[in-house]
PDB file of N, CA and C in Angstrom:
ATOM      1  N   MET A   1      -9.554  -4.510 -32.667  1.00  0.00           N
ATOM      2  CA  MET A   1     -10.421  -4.537 -31.513  1.00  0.00           C
ATOM      3  C   MET A   1      -9.583  -4.662 -30.240  1.00  0.00           C
ATOM      4  N   SER A   2      -9.752  -3.728 -29.300  1.00  0.00           N
ATOM      5  CA  SER A   2      -8.968  -3.764 -28.071  1.00  0.00           C
ATOM      6  C   SER A   2      -9.799  -4.310 -26.922  1.00  0.00           C
ATOM      7  N   ASN A   3      -9.143  -5.055 -26.065  1.00  0.00           N
ATOM      8  CA  ASN A   3      -9.822  -5.616 -24.902  1.00  0.00           C
ATOM      9  C   ASN A   3      -9.768  -4.643 -23.741  1.00  0.00           C
ATOM     10  N   LYS A   4     -10.820  -4.586 -22.950  1.00  0.00           N
ATOM     11  CA  LYS A   4     -10.861  -3.730 -21.780  1.00  0.00           C
ATOM     12  C   LYS A   4     -10.032  -4.375 -20.678  1.00  0.00           C
ATOM     13  N   VAL A   5      -9.194  -3.591 -20.045  1.00  0.00           N
ATOM     14  CA  VAL A   5      -8.344  -4.102 -18.974  1.00  0.00           C
ATOM     15  C   VAL A   5      -9.013  -3.790 -17.647  1.00  0.00           C
ATOM     16  N   LYS A   6      -9.156  -4.799 -16.792  1.00  0.00           N
ATOM     17  CA  LYS A   6      -9.808  -4.598 -15.510  1.00  0.00           C
ATOM     18  C   LYS A   6      -8.816  -4.041 -14.490  1.00  0.00           C
ATOM     19  N   THR A   7      -9.348  -3.283 -13.552  1.00  0.00           N
ATOM     20  CA  THR A   7      -8.535  -2.763 -12.456  1.00  0.00           C
ATOM     21  C   THR A   7      -8.118  -3.923 -11.562  1.00  0.00           C
ATOM     22  N   LYS A   8      -6.915  -3.851 -11.035  1.00  0.00           N
ATOM     23  CA  LYS A   8      -6.475  -4.832 -10.063  1.00  0.00           C
ATOM     24  C   LYS A   8      -7.119  -4.474  -8.728  1.00  0.00           C
ATOM     25  N   LYS A   9      -8.181  -5.167  -8.380  1.00  0.00           N
ATOM     26  CA  LYS A   9      -8.987  -4.809  -7.209  1.00  0.00           C
ATOM     27  C   LYS A   9      -8.196  -4.908  -5.913  1.00  0.00           C
ATOM     28  N   ILE A  10      -7.304  -5.874  -5.828  1.00  0.00           N
ATOM     29  CA  ILE A  10      -6.539  -6.034  -4.598  1.00  0.00           C
ATOM     30  C   ILE A  10      -5.606  -4.844  -4.391  1.00  0.00           C
ATOM     31  N   VAL A  11      -5.107  -4.271  -5.474  1.00  0.00           N
ATOM     32  CA  VAL A  11      -4.239  -3.100  -5.367  1.00  0.00           C
ATOM     33  C   VAL A  11      -5.045  -1.906  -4.874  1.00  0.00           C
ATOM     34  N   ARG A  12      -6.290  -1.797  -5.322  1.00  0.00           N
ATOM     35  CA  ARG A  12      -7.172  -0.723  -4.852  1.00  0.00           C
ATOM     36  C   ARG A  12      -7.354  -0.777  -3.345  1.00  0.00           C
ATOM     37  N   ARG A  13      -7.457  -1.998  -2.800  1.00  0.00           N
ATOM     38  CA  ARG A  13      -7.713  -2.144  -1.372  1.00  0.00           C
ATOM     39  C   ARG A  13      -6.460  -1.913  -0.532  1.00  0.00           C
ATOM     40  N   ARG A  14      -5.318  -2.282  -1.058  1.00  0.00           N
ATOM     41  CA  ARG A  14      -4.104  -2.266  -0.234  1.00  0.00           C
ATOM     42  C   ARG A  14      -3.314  -0.969  -0.284  1.00  0.00           C
ATOM     43  N   PHE A  15      -3.494  -0.199  -1.331  1.00  0.00           N
ATOM     44  CA  PHE A  15      -2.683   1.003  -1.494  1.00  0.00           C
ATOM     45  C   PHE A  15      -3.551   2.233  -1.676  1.00  0.00           C
ATOM     46  N   LYS A  16      -2.987   3.386  -1.313  1.00  0.00           N
ATOM     47  CA  LYS A  16      -3.683   4.657  -1.506  1.00  0.00           C
ATOM     48  C   LYS A  16      -2.691   5.625  -2.133  1.00  0.00           C
ATOM     49  N   ILE A  17      -3.141   6.356  -3.142  1.00  0.00           N
ATOM     50  CA  ILE A  17      -2.295   7.365  -3.766  1.00  0.00           C
ATOM     51  C   ILE A  17      -2.749   8.721  -3.254  1.00  0.00           C
ATOM     52  N   THR A  18      -1.807   9.483  -2.690  1.00  0.00           N
ATOM     53  CA  THR A  18      -2.146  10.780  -2.132  1.00  0.00           C
ATOM     54  C   THR A  18      -2.240  11.825  -3.239  1.00  0.00           C
ATOM     55  N   LYS A  19      -2.639  13.016  -2.854  1.00  0.00           N
ATOM     56  CA  LYS A  19      -2.800  14.107  -3.805  1.00  0.00           C
ATOM     57  C   LYS A  19      -1.470  14.448  -4.490  1.00  0.00           C
ATOM     58  N   ASN A  20      -0.369  14.320  -3.760  1.00  0.00           N
ATOM     59  CA  ASN A  20       0.948  14.640  -4.308  1.00  0.00           C
ATOM     60  C   ASN A  20       1.606  13.460  -5.017  1.00  0.00           C
ATOM     61  N   GLY A  21       0.916  12.320  -5.096  1.00  0.00           N
ATOM     62  CA  GLY A  21       1.446  11.180  -5.842  1.00  0.00           C
ATOM     63  C   GLY A  21       2.199  10.164  -5.015  1.00  0.00           C
ATOM     64  N   LYS A  22       2.183  10.302  -3.687  1.00  0.00           N
ATOM     65  CA  LYS A  22       2.830   9.298  -2.853  1.00  0.00           C
ATOM     66  C   LYS A  22       1.962   8.055  -2.802  1.00  0.00           C
ATOM     67  N   VAL A  23       2.604   6.892  -2.663  1.00  0.00           N
ATOM     68  CA  VAL A  23       1.871   5.631  -2.555  1.00  0.00           C
ATOM     69  C   VAL A  23       2.015   5.137  -1.118  1.00  0.00           C
ATOM     70  N   LEU A  24       0.879   4.997  -0.406  1.00  0.00           N
ATOM     71  CA  LEU A  24       0.883   4.582   0.988  1.00  0.00           C
ATOM     72  C   LEU A  24       0.311   3.182   1.128  1.00  0.00           C
ATOM     73  N   HIS A  25       0.798   2.464   2.150  1.00  0.00           N
ATOM     74  CA  HIS A  25       0.276   1.133   2.457  1.00  0.00           C
ATOM     75  C   HIS A  25       0.437   0.898   3.944  1.00  0.00           C
ATOM     76  N   ARG A  26      -0.231  -0.134   4.452  1.00  0.00           N
ATOM     77  CA  ARG A  26      -0.091  -0.480   5.862  1.00  0.00           C
ATOM     78  C   ARG A  26       1.167  -1.317   6.078  1.00  0.00           C
ATOM     79  N   ALA A  27       1.766  -1.158   7.249  1.00  0.00           N
ATOM     80  CA  ALA A  27       2.981  -1.899   7.577  1.00  0.00           C
ATOM     81  C   ALA A  27       2.679  -3.379   7.725  1.00  0.00           C
ATOM     82  N   GLN A  28       3.644  -4.205   7.370  1.00  0.00           N
ATOM     83  CA  GLN A  28       3.453  -5.634   7.503  1.00  0.00           C
ATOM     84  C   GLN A  28       3.611  -6.061   8.963  1.00  0.00           C
ATOM     85  N   GLY A  29       2.928  -7.119   9.331  1.00  0.00           N
ATOM     86  CA  GLY A  29       3.060  -7.682  10.665  1.00  0.00           C
ATOM     87  C   GLY A  29       2.364  -6.888  11.752  1.00  0.00           C
ATOM     88  N   ALA A  30       1.402  -6.038  11.395  1.00  0.00           N
ATOM     89  CA  ALA A  30       0.779  -5.173  12.388  1.00  0.00           C
ATOM     90  C   ALA A  30      -0.566  -5.696  12.870  1.00  0.00           C
ATOM     91  N   ARG A  31      -1.043  -6.817  12.359  1.00  0.00           N
ATOM     92  CA  ARG A  31      -2.423  -7.215  12.611  1.00  0.00           C
ATOM     93  C   ARG A  31      -2.593  -8.241  13.744  1.00  0.00           C
ATOM     94  N   HIS A  32      -1.618  -9.071  13.980  1.00  0.00           N
ATOM     95  CA  HIS A  32      -1.796 -10.090  15.000  1.00  0.00           C
ATOM     96  C   HIS A  32      -0.516 -10.264  15.808  1.00  0.00           C
ATOM     97  N   LEU A  33      -0.618 -11.023  16.910  1.00  0.00           N
ATOM     98  CA  LEU A  33       0.496 -11.261  17.848  1.00  0.00           C
ATOM     99  C   LEU A  33       1.046  -9.948  18.400  1.00  0.00           C
ATOM    100  N   ARG A  34       0.134  -9.031  18.734  1.00  0.00           N
ATOM    101  CA  ARG A  34       0.547  -7.704  19.195  1.00  0.00           C
ATOM    102  C   ARG A  34       1.018  -7.706  20.641  1.00  0.00           C
ATOM    103  N   SER A  35       0.639  -8.706  21.405  1.00  0.00           N
ATOM    104  CA  SER A  35       0.987  -8.699  22.831  1.00  0.00           C
ATOM    105  C   SER A  35       2.490  -8.838  23.051  1.00  0.00           C
ATOM    106  N   ARG A  36       3.173  -9.467  22.132  1.00  0.00           N
ATOM    107  CA  ARG A  36       4.617  -9.639  22.311  1.00  0.00           C
ATOM    108  C   ARG A  36       5.424  -8.479  21.727  1.00  0.00           C
ATOM    109  N   LYS A  37       4.757  -7.542  21.062  1.00  0.00           N
ATOM    110  CA  LYS A  37       5.452  -6.387  20.483  1.00  0.00           C
ATOM    111  C   LYS A  37       5.336  -5.205  21.433  1.00  0.00           C
ATOM    112  N   ASN A  38       6.414  -4.436  21.567  1.00  0.00           N
ATOM    113  CA  ASN A  38       6.344  -3.296  22.475  1.00  0.00           C
ATOM    114  C   ASN A  38       5.503  -2.174  21.875  1.00  0.00           C
ATOM    115  N   LYS A  39       5.088  -1.238  22.730  1.00  0.00           N
ATOM    116  CA  LYS A  39       4.141  -0.203  22.325  1.00  0.00           C
ATOM    117  C   LYS A  39       4.709   0.711  21.243  1.00  0.00           C
ATOM    118  N   ALA A  40       5.980   1.009  21.309  1.00  0.00           N
ATOM    119  CA  ALA A  40       6.595   1.875  20.291  1.00  0.00           C
ATOM    120  C   ALA A  40       6.553   1.210  18.927  1.00  0.00           C
ATOM    121  N   ARG A  41       6.826  -0.076  18.893  1.00  0.00           N
ATOM    122  CA  ARG A  41       6.776  -0.826  17.633  1.00  0.00           C
ATOM    123  C   ARG A  41       5.354  -0.866  17.091  1.00  0.00           C
ATOM    124  N   GLN A  42       4.373  -1.062  17.973  1.00  0.00           N
ATOM    125  CA  GLN A  42       2.982  -1.088  17.536  1.00  0.00           C
ATOM    126  C   GLN A  42       2.563   0.256  16.946  1.00  0.00           C
ATOM    127  N   ARG A  43       2.977   1.347  17.570  1.00  0.00           N
ATOM    128  CA  ARG A  43       2.632   2.670  17.048  1.00  0.00           C
ATOM    129  C   ARG A  43       3.265   2.896  15.685  1.00  0.00           C
ATOM    130  N   ARG A  44       4.508   2.473  15.525  1.00  0.00           N
ATOM    131  CA  ARG A  44       5.182   2.612  14.233  1.00  0.00           C
ATOM    132  C   ARG A  44       4.445   1.816  13.154  1.00  0.00           C
ATOM    133  N   GLN A  45       3.981   0.639  13.506  1.00  0.00           N
ATOM    134  CA  GLN A  45       3.312  -0.209  12.518  1.00  0.00           C
ATOM    135  C   GLN A  45       1.895   0.260  12.214  1.00  0.00           C
ATOM    136  N   ASP A  46       1.290   1.027  13.106  1.00  0.00           N
ATOM    137  CA  ASP A  46      -0.087   1.465  12.893  1.00  0.00           C
ATOM    138  C   ASP A  46      -0.188   2.591  11.872  1.00  0.00           C
ATOM    139  N   GLU A  47       0.864   3.380  11.714  1.00  0.00           N
ATOM    140  CA  GLU A  47       0.772   4.494  10.771  1.00  0.00           C
ATOM    141  C   GLU A  47       1.124   4.027   9.357  1.00  0.00           C
ATOM    142  N   PRO A  48       0.508   4.649   8.348  1.00  0.00           N
ATOM    143  CA  PRO A  48       0.768   4.232   6.961  1.00  0.00           C
ATOM    144  C   PRO A  48       2.216   4.472   6.560  1.00  0.00           C
ATOM    145  N   ARG A  49       2.724   3.609   5.717  1.00  0.00           N
ATOM    146  CA  ARG A  49       4.089   3.717   5.206  1.00  0.00           C
ATOM    147  C   ARG A  49       4.047   4.161   3.754  1.00  0.00           C
ATOM    148  N   GLU A  50       5.100   4.851   3.346  1.00  0.00           N
ATOM    149  CA  GLU A  50       5.204   5.277   1.948  1.00  0.00           C
ATOM    150  C   GLU A  50       6.119   4.320   1.197  1.00  0.00           C
ATOM    151  N   ILE A  51       5.753   4.001  -0.020  1.00  0.00           N
ATOM    152  CA  ILE A  51       6.615   3.195  -0.886  1.00  0.00           C
ATOM    153  C   ILE A  51       7.531   4.151  -1.629  1.00  0.00           C
ATOM    154  N   VAL A  52       8.839   3.978  -1.440  1.00  0.00           N
ATOM    155  CA  VAL A  52       9.789   4.904  -2.047  1.00  0.00           C
ATOM    156  C   VAL A  52      10.473   4.330  -3.273  1.00  0.00           C
ATOM    157  N   THR A  53      10.417   3.016  -3.450  1.00  0.00           N
ATOM    158  CA  THR A  53      11.034   2.387  -4.614  1.00  0.00           C
ATOM    159  C   THR A  53      10.250   2.761  -5.871  1.00  0.00           C
ATOM    160  N   THR A  54      10.912   3.412  -6.792  1.00  0.00           N
ATOM    161  CA  THR A  54      10.260   3.928  -7.994  1.00  0.00           C
ATOM    162  C   THR A  54       9.635   2.820  -8.823  1.00  0.00           C
ATOM    163  N   LYS A  55      10.307   1.698  -8.916  1.00  0.00           N
ATOM    164  CA  LYS A  55       9.802   0.576  -9.708  1.00  0.00           C
ATOM    165  C   LYS A  55       8.429   0.134  -9.217  1.00  0.00           C
ATOM    166  N   TYR A  56       8.299  -0.103  -7.911  1.00  0.00           N
ATOM    167  CA  TYR A  56       7.039  -0.583  -7.353  1.00  0.00           C
ATOM    168  C   TYR A  56       5.987   0.513  -7.344  1.00  0.00           C
ATOM    169  N   LYS A  57       6.413   1.746  -7.105  1.00  0.00           N
ATOM    170  CA  LYS A  57       5.475   2.860  -7.095  1.00  0.00           C
ATOM    171  C   LYS A  57       4.810   3.017  -8.461  1.00  0.00           C
ATOM    172  N   ASN A  58       5.594   2.922  -9.517  1.00  0.00           N
ATOM    173  CA  ASN A  58       5.049   3.045 -10.872  1.00  0.00           C
ATOM    174  C   ASN A  58       4.136   1.876 -11.221  1.00  0.00           C
ATOM    175  N   MET A  59       4.490   0.666 -10.773  1.00  0.00           N
ATOM    176  CA  MET A  59       3.651  -0.503 -11.026  1.00  0.00           C
ATOM    177  C   MET A  59       2.290  -0.338 -10.361  1.00  0.00           C
ATOM    178  N   ILE A  60       2.294   0.114  -9.125  1.00  0.00           N
ATOM    179  CA  ILE A  60       1.038   0.270  -8.381  1.00  0.00           C
ATOM    180  C   ILE A  60       0.174   1.342  -9.019  1.00  0.00           C
ATOM    181  N   LYS A  61       0.782   2.442  -9.405  1.00  0.00           N
ATOM    182  CA  LYS A  61       0.020   3.516 -10.053  1.00  0.00           C
ATOM    183  C   LYS A  61      -0.580   3.032 -11.365  1.00  0.00           C
ATOM    184  N   GLN A  62       0.165   2.228 -12.096  1.00  0.00           N
ATOM    185  CA  GLN A  62      -0.336   1.692 -13.367  1.00  0.00           C
ATOM    186  C   GLN A  62      -1.528   0.763 -13.122  1.00  0.00           C
ATOM    187  N   TYR A  63      -1.439  -0.088 -12.113  1.00  0.00           N
ATOM    188  CA  TYR A  63      -2.537  -0.998 -11.791  1.00  0.00           C
ATOM    189  C   TYR A  63      -3.785  -0.237 -11.344  1.00  0.00           C
ATOM    190  N   MET A  64      -3.591   0.889 -10.654  1.00  0.00           N
ATOM    191  CA  MET A  64      -4.729   1.671 -10.166  1.00  0.00           C
ATOM    192  C   MET A  64      -5.473   2.337 -11.301  1.00  0.00           C
ATOM    193  N   GLN A  65      -4.771   2.683 -12.366  1.00  0.00           N
ATOM    194  CA  GLN A  65      -5.387   3.427 -13.455  1.00  0.00           C
ATOM    195  C   GLN A  65      -6.051   2.528 -14.489  1.00  0.00           C
ATOM    196  N   THR A  66      -5.661   1.268 -14.553  1.00  0.00           N
ATOM    197  CA  THR A  66      -6.213   0.400 -15.586  1.00  0.00           C
ATOM    198  C   THR A  66      -7.614  -0.031 -15.262  1.00  0.00           C
TER     199      THR A  66
END
């Protein structure tokens, strides 16, 4: 008898897998204390980032599928 494995809900909310298999997430430190950060830094942090480390990318994809 096998147990059903639940999806990691927090991973669903924090990451997105694109059509080509890239794993995207929001940049850290982009949500508060924005007044002390310059505009270029804020723009960089506002756009989604790609996870390039294969180890973490595979872990996230595995959590999304379970």
